[in-house]
Protein backbone atom coordinates (compact mmCIF):
# COMPACT_ATOMS: atom_id res chain seq x y z
CA MET A 1 140.50 6.52 52.90
CA ALA A 2 138.04 9.40 52.60
CA ARG A 3 135.59 7.19 50.73
CA LEU A 4 135.85 4.36 53.25
CA TYR A 5 135.41 6.80 56.11
CA ALA A 6 132.33 8.33 54.42
CA GLU A 7 130.82 4.85 54.07
CA SER A 8 131.46 3.97 57.72
CA LYS A 9 128.93 4.56 60.50
CA ALA A 10 130.99 7.46 61.82
CA GLY A 11 131.04 9.07 58.39
CA ARG A 12 127.35 8.44 57.63
CA THR A 13 125.94 9.57 60.96
CA GLY A 14 128.62 11.64 62.69
CA ALA A 15 127.79 9.63 65.80
CA GLY A 16 130.33 8.19 68.21
CA GLN A 17 133.62 9.44 69.52
CA ARG A 18 135.82 6.55 68.45
CA ASP A 19 138.44 6.97 65.76
CA PHE A 20 138.00 5.32 62.38
CA LEU A 21 140.32 2.31 62.12
CA ILE A 22 141.14 0.50 58.91
CA ASP A 23 143.43 -2.38 58.15
CA LEU A 24 146.34 -1.29 55.96
CA LYS A 25 145.92 -4.21 53.58
CA LYS A 26 142.26 -3.33 53.03
CA LEU A 27 143.10 0.32 52.50
CA LEU A 28 145.76 -0.47 49.92
CA ALA A 29 143.53 -3.02 48.18
CA ASP A 30 140.63 -0.57 47.92
CA ALA A 31 142.99 2.05 46.56
CA GLY A 32 144.47 -0.38 44.03
CA CYS A 33 147.93 0.07 45.54
CA GLN A 34 148.79 -3.44 46.65
CA ASP A 35 152.03 -3.94 44.72
CA GLY A 36 155.08 -2.28 43.26
CA ASP A 37 155.56 1.44 42.90
CA ASP A 38 151.92 2.18 43.73
CA ARG A 39 152.30 0.52 47.11
CA SER A 40 155.56 2.31 47.83
CA THR A 41 154.03 5.68 46.95
CA ALA A 42 150.97 5.01 49.11
CA ILE A 43 153.10 4.00 52.11
CA ARG A 44 155.26 7.11 51.69
CA GLN A 45 152.22 9.39 51.56
CA LEU A 46 150.71 7.76 54.65
CA LYS A 47 153.96 8.24 56.58
CA GLU A 48 154.03 11.91 55.56
CA LEU A 49 150.58 12.34 57.14
CA ASP A 50 151.40 10.28 60.24
CA GLY A 51 150.95 12.35 63.38
CA SER A 52 149.11 15.19 61.67
CA LEU A 53 146.07 13.92 59.81
CA LEU A 54 146.20 10.26 60.85
CA SER A 55 148.19 7.73 62.86
CA LEU A 56 149.93 4.59 61.65
CA GLU A 57 149.89 1.68 64.08
CA GLY A 58 152.05 -1.41 64.26
CA PRO A 59 154.48 -3.19 66.60
CA ARG A 60 156.49 -0.75 68.73
CA ARG A 61 159.72 -2.58 68.07
CA ASP A 62 159.56 -1.97 64.31
CA SER A 63 158.14 1.30 63.02
CA ASP A 64 158.44 0.11 59.43
CA ILE A 65 155.66 -2.43 59.98
CA ILE A 66 152.18 -0.95 59.66
CA HIS A 67 149.09 -2.94 60.62
CA GLN A 68 146.35 -0.34 60.54
CA VAL A 69 145.58 3.31 60.01
CA ARG A 70 143.78 5.36 62.65
CA PHE A 71 141.83 8.39 61.49
CA PRO A 72 140.28 10.71 64.13
CA SER A 73 136.80 11.94 63.21
CA ALA A 74 137.87 15.37 64.41
CA ASN A 75 140.10 15.59 61.31
CA GLU A 76 137.21 15.00 58.90
CA SER A 77 136.94 18.56 57.61
CA LYS A 78 140.71 18.78 57.14
CA LEU A 79 140.85 15.54 55.12
CA PHE A 80 138.01 16.43 52.79
CA ALA A 81 139.16 20.03 52.39
CA SER A 82 142.53 18.72 51.19
CA LEU A 83 140.65 16.68 48.56
CA GLU A 84 138.43 19.67 47.68
CA ILE A 85 135.20 17.70 48.14
CA PRO A 86 132.38 18.18 50.70
CA SER A 87 132.84 16.27 53.93
CA PRO A 88 130.17 13.80 55.10
CA THR A 89 129.07 16.31 57.74
CA ARG A 90 128.74 19.02 55.10
CA ARG A 91 126.80 16.67 52.82
CA ARG A 92 124.37 15.83 55.62
CA GLU A 93 123.89 19.54 56.26
CA MET A 94 123.26 20.22 52.57
CA LEU A 95 120.71 17.42 52.40
CA ALA A 96 118.95 18.61 55.55
CA SER A 97 118.85 22.13 54.14
CA GLN A 98 117.24 20.81 50.96
CA PHE A 99 114.44 19.21 52.97
CA SER A 100 114.03 22.27 55.21
CA GLU A 101 113.59 24.46 52.15
CA ALA A 102 111.07 21.98 50.69
CA ALA A 103 109.00 22.19 53.89
CA ARG A 104 108.27 25.82 52.95
CA PHE A 105 107.04 25.02 49.42
CA ALA A 106 103.50 26.10 48.56
CA VAL A 107 101.08 23.15 48.53
CA PRO A 108 97.27 22.93 48.72
CA LYS A 109 95.99 23.91 52.17
CA ILE A 110 94.58 20.45 52.86
CA TRP A 111 98.09 18.94 52.77
CA ARG A 112 100.10 21.85 54.21
CA GLY A 113 100.48 20.54 57.75
CA SER A 114 101.42 16.99 56.76
CA TRP A 115 103.77 18.33 54.07
CA GLN A 116 105.67 20.48 56.55
CA LYS A 117 105.95 17.67 59.08
CA PHE A 118 107.04 15.18 56.44
CA TYR A 119 109.96 17.32 55.31
CA SER A 120 110.88 18.55 58.77
CA ASP A 121 111.21 14.90 59.82
CA PHE A 122 113.33 14.22 56.73
CA ALA A 123 115.60 17.17 57.53
CA GLU A 124 116.19 15.72 61.00
CA ALA A 125 116.81 12.25 59.53
CA ALA A 126 119.33 13.71 57.09
CA LEU A 127 121.32 15.37 59.88
CA ARG A 128 121.44 12.10 61.80
CA GLY A 129 122.43 10.09 58.77
CA ASN A 130 119.23 8.02 58.89
CA ALA A 131 117.37 6.61 55.89
CA VAL A 132 115.84 9.20 53.54
CA ALA A 133 114.25 6.92 50.92
CA PRO A 134 112.77 7.56 48.38
CA PHE A 135 115.31 10.37 48.23
CA SER A 136 119.07 9.91 47.91
CA ARG A 137 121.85 11.02 50.24
CA ASP A 138 124.16 11.69 47.33
CA ASP A 139 121.95 12.86 44.46
CA LEU A 140 120.82 16.37 45.41
CA GLU A 141 119.87 17.12 41.82
CA GLY A 142 117.60 14.09 41.65
CA ASN A 143 116.10 15.04 45.01
CA ALA A 144 115.39 18.55 43.74
CA GLU A 145 113.44 17.10 40.81
CA LEU A 146 111.25 15.00 43.10
CA LEU A 147 110.77 17.87 45.53
CA ALA A 148 109.64 20.20 42.75
CA LEU A 149 107.22 17.70 41.22
CA ALA A 150 105.39 16.63 44.37
CA PRO A 151 103.66 20.01 45.00
CA SER A 152 102.68 20.20 41.33
CA LEU A 153 101.01 16.79 41.56
CA LEU A 154 99.13 17.76 44.71
CA ALA A 155 97.93 20.91 42.98
CA TRP A 156 96.95 18.88 39.91
CA GLN A 157 94.74 16.65 42.02
CA GLN A 158 93.25 19.64 43.83
CA ARG A 159 92.20 21.20 40.52
CA GLY A 160 90.45 17.98 39.53
CA GLU A 161 92.19 17.85 36.17
CA GLU A 162 92.52 14.61 34.21
CA SER A 163 95.26 14.04 31.67
CA LEU A 164 97.19 11.31 29.98
CA LEU A 165 100.59 10.48 31.37
CA ARG A 166 102.75 11.68 28.50
CA PHE A 167 100.93 14.99 28.17
CA ALA A 168 101.18 15.65 31.92
CA SER A 169 104.85 14.67 31.82
CA CYS A 170 105.52 17.25 29.09
CA ILE A 171 103.74 19.94 31.10
CA LEU A 172 105.44 19.13 34.41
CA THR A 173 108.93 18.06 33.32
CA GLY A 174 109.37 19.06 29.68
CA ASN A 175 109.93 15.39 28.84
CA SER A 176 107.11 13.08 27.79
CA LYS A 177 108.66 10.04 29.49
CA ARG A 178 110.20 11.48 32.66
CA LEU A 179 107.10 11.40 34.87
CA GLY A 180 106.60 7.73 34.06
CA GLU A 181 110.20 7.03 35.04
CA LEU A 182 109.79 8.70 38.42
CA ALA A 183 106.45 6.98 39.02
CA ALA A 184 107.15 3.53 37.61
CA GLU A 185 104.24 1.19 36.89
CA ASN A 186 103.77 -1.51 39.52
CA SER A 187 102.33 -5.02 39.17
CA ASP A 188 98.71 -3.86 39.34
CA GLY A 189 99.19 -1.27 36.61
CA ARG A 190 99.30 1.80 38.84
CA HIS A 191 102.10 4.35 38.52
CA THR A 192 103.71 4.64 41.94
CA GLY A 193 107.52 4.65 42.13
CA LYS A 194 109.33 7.36 44.08
CA LEU A 195 106.66 9.97 43.45
CA GLY A 196 103.94 7.58 44.56
CA GLU A 197 105.75 6.93 47.81
CA ILE A 198 106.04 10.66 48.49
CA LEU A 199 102.35 11.22 47.75
CA ASN A 200 101.40 8.27 49.93
CA ARG A 201 103.34 9.51 52.95
CA VAL A 202 102.35 13.17 52.62
CA THR A 203 98.62 12.40 52.23
CA GLY A 204 98.43 9.53 54.71
CA GLY A 205 97.58 7.02 51.98
CA LYS A 206 94.81 9.06 50.34
CA LEU A 207 96.94 9.57 47.21
CA GLN A 208 99.28 6.72 46.31
CA CYS A 209 99.84 6.93 42.58
CA LEU A 210 99.52 9.17 39.54
CA GLU A 211 96.08 7.70 38.82
CA ASP A 212 94.86 9.05 42.18
CA VAL A 213 96.04 12.49 41.09
CA GLY A 214 94.16 12.30 37.79
CA ILE A 215 97.01 11.25 35.52
CA SER A 216 96.74 7.93 33.73
CA ALA A 217 98.56 6.12 30.95
CA SER A 218 95.29 5.61 29.05
CA PRO A 219 91.88 7.30 29.28
CA ARG A 220 89.60 6.11 32.09
CA PHE A 221 86.07 5.63 30.86
CA VAL A 222 83.02 3.39 30.92
CA LEU A 223 80.99 2.17 27.94
CA VAL A 224 77.27 2.03 28.60
CA HIS A 225 74.16 1.18 26.60
CA GLY A 226 70.55 1.01 27.62
CA PRO A 227 67.85 2.89 29.56
CA LEU A 228 70.08 4.95 31.83
CA ARG A 229 69.45 8.47 33.10
CA LEU A 230 72.15 10.55 34.78
CA LEU A 231 71.51 13.69 36.80
CA PHE A 232 74.12 16.45 36.45
CA GLN A 233 74.05 19.91 37.98
CA ASP A 234 72.52 21.30 34.77
CA GLY A 235 69.87 18.61 34.41
CA TRP A 236 69.20 15.04 33.30
CA LEU A 237 71.04 13.17 30.55
CA ASP A 238 68.91 10.38 29.09
CA LEU A 239 71.10 7.76 27.43
CA GLY A 240 68.09 5.57 26.65
CA VAL A 241 67.16 7.68 23.63
CA LEU A 242 70.46 6.77 21.93
CA ARG A 243 70.71 3.68 19.73
CA GLY A 244 74.45 3.09 20.11
CA PRO A 245 76.81 2.68 23.09
CA VAL A 246 78.08 5.76 24.91
CA ARG A 247 81.55 6.32 26.32
CA LEU A 248 81.51 8.27 29.61
CA SER A 249 84.72 9.67 31.06
CA ASP A 250 85.69 9.16 34.67
CA SER A 251 85.47 12.90 35.31
CA ASP A 252 81.88 13.03 33.97
CA ILE A 253 80.84 10.07 36.09
CA ASN A 254 82.18 11.81 39.20
CA ARG A 255 79.88 14.76 38.43
CA VAL A 256 76.75 12.61 38.48
CA SER A 257 74.58 13.13 41.56
CA ARG A 258 71.90 10.53 40.75
CA ILE A 259 71.42 7.55 38.42
CA GLU A 260 68.10 6.03 37.38
CA THR A 261 67.22 3.08 35.13
CA SER A 262 64.11 1.15 34.20
CA ALA A 263 66.21 -1.93 33.39
CA LEU A 264 65.59 -5.13 35.32
CA ARG A 265 69.18 -6.31 34.99
CA CYS A 266 72.66 -4.85 34.56
CA LEU A 267 75.30 -6.82 32.69
CA THR A 268 79.01 -6.10 32.90
CA VAL A 269 80.93 -7.20 29.82
CA GLU A 270 84.73 -7.51 29.85
CA ASN A 271 85.29 -7.73 26.11
CA GLU A 272 84.54 -4.61 24.09
CA THR A 273 83.72 -6.61 20.95
CA SER A 274 81.16 -8.69 22.84
CA PHE A 275 79.79 -5.52 24.35
CA HIS A 276 79.14 -3.95 20.96
CA GLU A 277 77.54 -7.16 19.67
CA LEU A 278 75.14 -7.19 22.60
CA ALA A 279 74.41 -3.49 22.20
CA VAL A 280 73.57 -3.67 18.49
CA SER A 281 71.45 -6.81 19.04
CA GLY A 282 69.00 -4.72 21.00
CA GLY A 283 69.68 -6.54 24.23
CA ALA A 284 67.74 -9.67 23.53
CA ASN A 285 68.13 -13.32 22.84
CA ARG A 286 71.77 -14.17 22.29
CA MET A 287 73.37 -16.20 25.03
CA GLN A 288 71.62 -19.37 26.09
CA ASN A 289 71.36 -21.85 23.21
CA GLY A 290 72.05 -18.96 20.88
CA ARG A 291 69.40 -16.90 22.71
CA LEU A 292 69.45 -14.62 25.71
CA THR A 293 66.08 -14.37 27.47
CA MET A 294 65.90 -10.90 28.93
CA ASP A 295 63.13 -8.43 28.74
CA ARG A 296 65.00 -5.26 29.59
CA ALA A 297 68.65 -4.73 30.47
CA PHE A 298 71.55 -2.39 30.02
CA TRP A 299 75.21 -3.20 29.45
CA LEU A 300 78.19 -1.64 31.09
CA GLU A 301 81.89 -2.10 30.35
CA VAL A 302 84.50 -0.46 32.52
CA ALA A 303 87.83 0.36 30.84
């Protein structure tokens, strides 16, 4: 009966003044006490509680016939205390407290206001029994893990660090696979999941996945070849003096303030093998009728 009450609207939200009513047959079926000695024991126990914790209802002319059980919400704490488990009200309070504490976590200044509002709203939702996805009403331990990771990811992005998923997972969780489980890969290859949803809502959509934070399953880079000059804070990098292709990391590309090239055309090549063939050919004469007619070009492959 406690479980059915906890699953009811009254149990989930604490709203409403009406008593919780349940059909006796349903109660016995859910308890696995439909027949024999189990049924007799269940009926006896219900009658012992009649008038104190609950009320048994049936035709007035025959008190041995029971149609339904009435449980007043006011007796919630008494019922759950007798079972030595937290009541639904207590569980809502514990969940709200978890979110209220999270609202005070240290996060980068840029996200502090939205972070506090996000978790203050969740604390209110928890007290009312409203939806708290991607968190769970019943798994406080799992919630604690998500709550602890989210500030670390925001700080990771703020520092501008880039790491591979399994390494970052070891650093943040002590388990090389756990971060990927909490931020499952979606159909477009981005790692979102529960953590992605939290990041999305806290940052107003600016960060939606681990890749936005700087954590990826494989290195992010671009292969380039040709007359390309990149301006960094410390000076120019001239890739045109190199004979072979160059692999530039995403973090290095983000540091570039200016790009120059003397090439007349830029080709993007999807296949790395084809890219290398074009690069070693010197850029000329390989595509149309076995020849590619270009005077000057550079090749770029994004990975």
